[in-house]
Amino acid sequence: MAREVTYIYCGSKERCSSDVAAMVRLVQQLTAPKASLITNPAGSKGYLDFLVLDDGSIQMELNERHDDFATVDVAMAAYIIEMAMTDTRDMTLREKLGELAIDWLP
């Protein structure tokens, strides 16, 4: 069963969803500059946000203990939101993402 995520998509009102496929579709729509998805996954000790930059790349911000930033593509962003909602291991999301080939910004 997927964990619920509270989110705001492109400045809309705050909503909740446990529908992984619906959240992946929202991530896949992050194509226009300034488009954003602000999330607070259940079980997380912070937030996970995605923002489309002017060049079309997606900046991911993960805040649990401190801010971590990375540039990801749509496919990776979709996988990350899916992982945030379905991976129930007792570890931080940042630790879970450590298994993936993500180029974290200094």
N, C-alpha and C. Protein backbone atom coordinates (compact mmCIF):
# COMPACT_ATOMS: atom_id res chain seq x y z
N MET A 1 0.84 -1.19 0.00
CA MET A 1 0.00 0.00 0.00
C MET A 1 0.88 1.24 0.00
N ALA A 2 0.51 2.21 -0.78
CA ALA A 2 1.28 3.44 -0.89
C ALA A 2 1.00 4.39 0.27
N ARG A 3 2.04 5.09 0.65
CA ARG A 3 1.88 6.12 1.68
C ARG A 3 1.25 7.35 1.05
N GLU A 4 0.51 8.08 1.85
CA GLU A 4 -0.11 9.31 1.38
C GLU A 4 0.93 10.42 1.26
N VAL A 5 0.74 11.28 0.29
CA VAL A 5 1.60 12.44 0.12
C VAL A 5 0.70 13.67 0.05
N THR A 6 1.09 14.69 0.78
CA THR A 6 0.44 15.99 0.69
C THR A 6 1.21 16.77 -0.36
N TYR A 7 0.51 17.46 -1.27
CA TYR A 7 1.22 18.14 -2.34
C TYR A 7 0.52 19.40 -2.81
N ILE A 8 1.30 20.26 -3.45
CA ILE A 8 0.80 21.45 -4.15
C ILE A 8 1.43 21.39 -5.53
N TYR A 9 0.59 21.37 -6.56
CA TYR A 9 1.07 21.30 -7.93
C TYR A 9 0.90 22.66 -8.59
N CYS A 10 1.99 23.25 -9.01
CA CYS A 10 1.98 24.54 -9.74
C CYS A 10 1.12 25.59 -9.06
N GLY A 11 1.25 25.72 -7.75
CA GLY A 11 0.55 26.77 -7.02
C GLY A 11 -0.91 26.50 -6.72
N SER A 12 -1.42 25.30 -7.03
CA SER A 12 -2.81 24.98 -6.73
C SER A 12 -3.00 24.83 -5.22
N LYS A 13 -4.21 24.52 -4.82
CA LYS A 13 -4.46 24.31 -3.39
C LYS A 13 -3.82 23.01 -2.93
N GLU A 14 -3.56 22.91 -1.64
CA GLU A 14 -2.96 21.70 -1.07
C GLU A 14 -3.94 20.54 -1.18
N ARG A 15 -3.39 19.39 -1.57
CA ARG A 15 -4.19 18.18 -1.73
C ARG A 15 -3.43 17.00 -1.13
N CYS A 16 -4.11 15.87 -1.00
CA CYS A 16 -3.49 14.63 -0.53
C CYS A 16 -3.81 13.53 -1.51
N SER A 17 -2.86 12.59 -1.65
CA SER A 17 -3.08 11.46 -2.53
C SER A 17 -2.24 10.27 -2.07
N SER A 18 -2.79 9.08 -2.23
CA SER A 18 -2.02 7.86 -2.05
C SER A 18 -1.98 7.09 -3.37
N ASP A 19 -2.39 7.74 -4.46
CA ASP A 19 -2.41 7.15 -5.79
C ASP A 19 -1.06 7.41 -6.47
N VAL A 20 -0.21 6.39 -6.47
CA VAL A 20 1.14 6.52 -7.01
C VAL A 20 1.10 6.90 -8.49
N ALA A 21 0.25 6.25 -9.26
CA ALA A 21 0.16 6.53 -10.70
C ALA A 21 -0.24 7.99 -10.95
N ALA A 22 -1.15 8.52 -10.16
CA ALA A 22 -1.56 9.91 -10.33
C ALA A 22 -0.42 10.86 -10.01
N MET A 23 0.36 10.55 -8.98
CA MET A 23 1.49 11.41 -8.63
C MET A 23 2.58 11.33 -9.69
N VAL A 24 2.81 10.15 -10.24
CA VAL A 24 3.79 10.00 -11.32
C VAL A 24 3.34 10.82 -12.53
N ARG A 25 2.05 10.82 -12.84
CA ARG A 25 1.55 11.63 -13.96
C ARG A 25 1.79 13.11 -13.71
N LEU A 26 1.61 13.58 -12.47
CA LEU A 26 1.90 14.99 -12.17
C LEU A 26 3.36 15.31 -12.41
N VAL A 27 4.24 14.43 -11.97
CA VAL A 27 5.67 14.63 -12.18
C VAL A 27 5.98 14.67 -13.67
N GLN A 28 5.35 13.81 -14.44
CA GLN A 28 5.61 13.76 -15.88
C GLN A 28 5.13 15.02 -16.60
N GLN A 29 4.26 15.79 -15.96
CA GLN A 29 3.79 17.04 -16.53
C GLN A 29 4.72 18.22 -16.21
N LEU A 30 5.77 17.97 -15.45
CA LEU A 30 6.72 19.03 -15.11
C LEU A 30 7.66 19.28 -16.29
N THR A 31 7.16 20.03 -17.25
CA THR A 31 7.94 20.29 -18.46
C THR A 31 8.14 21.78 -18.75
N ALA A 32 7.29 22.64 -18.24
CA ALA A 32 7.38 24.07 -18.51
C ALA A 32 8.20 24.77 -17.42
N PRO A 33 9.05 25.71 -17.80
CA PRO A 33 9.81 26.45 -16.79
C PRO A 33 8.90 27.02 -15.70
N LYS A 34 9.38 26.94 -14.48
CA LYS A 34 8.71 27.43 -13.27
C LYS A 34 7.61 26.49 -12.77
N ALA A 35 7.29 25.41 -13.50
CA ALA A 35 6.32 24.44 -12.99
C ALA A 35 6.90 23.79 -11.74
N SER A 36 6.05 23.48 -10.78
CA SER A 36 6.57 22.94 -9.53
C SER A 36 5.62 21.91 -8.92
N LEU A 37 6.21 21.04 -8.15
CA LEU A 37 5.47 20.08 -7.35
C LEU A 37 6.12 20.08 -5.98
N ILE A 38 5.36 20.51 -5.00
CA ILE A 38 5.84 20.59 -3.62
C ILE A 38 5.15 19.48 -2.86
N THR A 39 5.93 18.57 -2.26
CA THR A 39 5.33 17.42 -1.60
C THR A 39 5.84 17.25 -0.17
N ASN A 40 5.04 16.58 0.61
CA ASN A 40 5.41 16.19 1.96
C ASN A 40 4.95 14.74 2.13
N PRO A 41 5.80 13.78 1.73
CA PRO A 41 5.41 12.37 1.82
C PRO A 41 5.22 11.92 3.28
N ALA A 42 4.18 11.14 3.52
CA ALA A 42 3.96 10.56 4.85
C ALA A 42 5.18 9.73 5.23
N GLY A 43 5.57 9.81 6.48
CA GLY A 43 6.72 9.05 6.95
C GLY A 43 8.03 9.78 6.75
N SER A 44 8.01 10.87 6.00
CA SER A 44 9.21 11.66 5.77
C SER A 44 9.33 12.72 6.86
N LYS A 45 10.54 13.07 7.17
CA LYS A 45 10.76 14.09 8.20
C LYS A 45 11.02 15.45 7.57
N GLY A 46 10.48 15.67 6.39
CA GLY A 46 10.69 16.94 5.70
C GLY A 46 9.87 16.99 4.44
N TYR A 47 10.43 17.61 3.41
CA TYR A 47 9.69 17.74 2.17
C TYR A 47 10.56 17.36 0.98
N LEU A 48 9.89 17.13 -0.14
CA LEU A 48 10.52 16.76 -1.40
C LEU A 48 9.87 17.62 -2.47
N ASP A 49 10.64 18.50 -3.09
CA ASP A 49 10.10 19.43 -4.07
C ASP A 49 10.80 19.30 -5.42
N PHE A 50 10.05 19.60 -6.47
CA PHE A 50 10.59 19.60 -7.83
C PHE A 50 10.23 20.93 -8.48
N LEU A 51 11.20 21.55 -9.16
CA LEU A 51 10.98 22.83 -9.84
C LEU A 51 11.65 22.76 -11.20
N VAL A 52 10.90 23.10 -12.26
CA VAL A 52 11.47 23.11 -13.60
C VAL A 52 12.21 24.43 -13.80
N LEU A 53 13.48 24.32 -14.17
CA LEU A 53 14.31 25.50 -14.41
C LEU A 53 14.10 26.01 -15.84
N ASP A 54 14.63 27.19 -16.13
CA ASP A 54 14.46 27.80 -17.44
C ASP A 54 14.99 26.95 -18.59
N ASP A 55 16.01 26.14 -18.31
CA ASP A 55 16.57 25.29 -19.37
C ASP A 55 15.81 23.96 -19.52
N GLY A 56 14.73 23.78 -18.75
CA GLY A 56 13.91 22.57 -18.84
C GLY A 56 14.32 21.46 -17.89
N SER A 57 15.48 21.60 -17.24
CA SER A 57 15.88 20.59 -16.27
C SER A 57 15.06 20.74 -14.99
N ILE A 58 15.04 19.70 -14.19
CA ILE A 58 14.26 19.71 -12.94
C ILE A 58 15.21 19.75 -11.76
N GLN A 59 15.03 20.75 -10.92
CA GLN A 59 15.80 20.83 -9.68
C GLN A 59 14.97 20.16 -8.59
N MET A 60 15.58 19.20 -7.92
CA MET A 60 14.93 18.52 -6.82
C MET A 60 15.53 19.05 -5.52
N GLU A 61 14.67 19.35 -4.57
CA GLU A 61 15.12 19.74 -3.24
C GLU A 61 14.55 18.75 -2.24
N LEU A 62 15.42 18.17 -1.46
CA LEU A 62 15.03 17.23 -0.42
C LEU A 62 15.47 17.81 0.91
N ASN A 63 14.51 18.03 1.79
CA ASN A 63 14.84 18.58 3.10
C ASN A 63 14.36 17.59 4.15
N GLU A 64 15.31 16.97 4.82
CA GLU A 64 14.98 16.11 5.96
C GLU A 64 15.72 16.65 7.18
N ARG A 65 17.01 16.52 7.19
CA ARG A 65 17.82 17.11 8.26
C ARG A 65 18.40 18.44 7.81
N HIS A 66 18.71 18.52 6.53
CA HIS A 66 19.20 19.75 5.90
C HIS A 66 18.83 19.67 4.43
N ASP A 67 19.01 20.76 3.71
CA ASP A 67 18.66 20.80 2.30
C ASP A 67 19.67 20.06 1.44
N ASP A 68 19.18 19.20 0.57
CA ASP A 68 19.99 18.55 -0.46
C ASP A 68 19.34 18.88 -1.79
N PHE A 69 20.16 19.24 -2.78
CA PHE A 69 19.67 19.59 -4.10
C PHE A 69 20.31 18.69 -5.14
N ALA A 70 19.55 18.40 -6.19
CA ALA A 70 20.06 17.64 -7.33
C ALA A 70 19.30 18.06 -8.57
N THR A 71 19.92 17.88 -9.71
CA THR A 71 19.24 18.08 -10.98
C THR A 71 18.89 16.70 -11.51
N VAL A 72 17.61 16.49 -11.81
CA VAL A 72 17.14 15.19 -12.28
C VAL A 72 16.30 15.37 -13.54
N ASP A 73 16.12 14.29 -14.28
CA ASP A 73 15.23 14.35 -15.42
C ASP A 73 13.84 13.86 -14.99
N VAL A 74 12.89 13.95 -15.90
CA VAL A 74 11.51 13.58 -15.56
C VAL A 74 11.41 12.12 -15.13
N ALA A 75 12.11 11.24 -15.83
CA ALA A 75 12.04 9.81 -15.47
C ALA A 75 12.55 9.57 -14.05
N MET A 76 13.66 10.20 -13.69
CA MET A 76 14.20 10.02 -12.35
C MET A 76 13.27 10.65 -11.31
N ALA A 77 12.72 11.82 -11.61
CA ALA A 77 11.78 12.46 -10.68
C ALA A 77 10.56 11.57 -10.44
N ALA A 78 10.06 10.95 -11.50
CA ALA A 78 8.91 10.05 -11.37
C ALA A 78 9.27 8.85 -10.49
N TYR A 79 10.46 8.30 -10.70
CA TYR A 79 10.89 7.16 -9.89
C TYR A 79 11.05 7.56 -8.42
N ILE A 80 11.56 8.77 -8.18
CA ILE A 80 11.77 9.24 -6.81
C ILE A 80 10.44 9.42 -6.09
N ILE A 81 9.44 10.00 -6.74
CA ILE A 81 8.15 10.18 -6.07
C ILE A 81 7.51 8.81 -5.80
N GLU A 82 7.67 7.88 -6.74
CA GLU A 82 7.17 6.53 -6.53
C GLU A 82 7.86 5.88 -5.33
N MET A 83 9.17 6.03 -5.25
CA MET A 83 9.92 5.47 -4.13
C MET A 83 9.49 6.11 -2.81
N ALA A 84 9.31 7.42 -2.82
CA ALA A 84 8.90 8.13 -1.60
C ALA A 84 7.56 7.62 -1.09
N MET A 85 6.71 7.20 -2.01
CA MET A 85 5.37 6.75 -1.63
C MET A 85 5.28 5.26 -1.31
N THR A 86 6.23 4.45 -1.80
CA THR A 86 6.07 3.00 -1.66
C THR A 86 7.16 2.30 -0.86
N ASP A 87 8.32 2.89 -0.73
CA ASP A 87 9.43 2.24 -0.02
C ASP A 87 9.23 2.44 1.48
N THR A 88 8.95 1.36 2.19
CA THR A 88 8.64 1.45 3.62
C THR A 88 9.81 1.10 4.53
N ARG A 89 11.00 0.97 3.95
CA ARG A 89 12.16 0.69 4.81
C ARG A 89 12.34 1.81 5.83
N ASP A 90 12.82 1.46 7.01
CA ASP A 90 12.98 2.42 8.10
C ASP A 90 14.31 3.17 7.95
N MET A 91 14.32 4.10 6.99
CA MET A 91 15.48 4.94 6.76
C MET A 91 14.99 6.23 6.09
N THR A 92 15.82 7.25 6.12
CA THR A 92 15.41 8.51 5.52
C THR A 92 15.31 8.36 4.00
N LEU A 93 14.54 9.24 3.39
CA LEU A 93 14.44 9.22 1.93
C LEU A 93 15.80 9.47 1.30
N ARG A 94 16.59 10.34 1.89
CA ARG A 94 17.94 10.62 1.36
C ARG A 94 18.79 9.35 1.36
N GLU A 95 18.68 8.55 2.40
CA GLU A 95 19.41 7.28 2.45
C GLU A 95 18.90 6.32 1.37
N LYS A 96 17.60 6.28 1.18
CA LYS A 96 17.02 5.43 0.13
C LYS A 96 17.51 5.87 -1.24
N LEU A 97 17.59 7.18 -1.46
CA LEU A 97 18.03 7.70 -2.75
C LEU A 97 19.52 7.49 -2.98
N GLY A 98 20.25 7.17 -1.94
CA GLY A 98 21.68 6.91 -2.06
C GLY A 98 21.99 5.73 -2.97
N GLU A 99 21.01 4.88 -3.18
CA GLU A 99 21.18 3.72 -4.06
C GLU A 99 21.08 4.09 -5.54
N LEU A 100 20.60 5.29 -5.83
CA LEU A 100 20.37 5.72 -7.21
C LEU A 100 21.52 6.58 -7.72
N ALA A 101 21.65 6.63 -9.02
CA ALA A 101 22.69 7.46 -9.67
C ALA A 101 22.18 8.88 -9.78
N ILE A 102 22.25 9.61 -8.67
CA ILE A 102 21.81 11.01 -8.63
C ILE A 102 23.03 11.89 -8.43
N ASP A 103 23.13 12.92 -9.24
CA ASP A 103 24.25 13.86 -9.15
C ASP A 103 23.84 14.98 -8.19
N TRP A 104 24.16 14.80 -6.91
CA TRP A 104 23.80 15.80 -5.90
C TRP A 104 24.66 17.04 -6.08
N LEU A 105 24.04 18.19 -5.91
CA LEU A 105 24.78 19.45 -6.04
C LEU A 105 25.52 19.73 -4.74
N PRO A 106 26.72 20.33 -4.86
CA PRO A 106 27.51 20.62 -3.64
C PRO A 106 26.85 21.69 -2.78
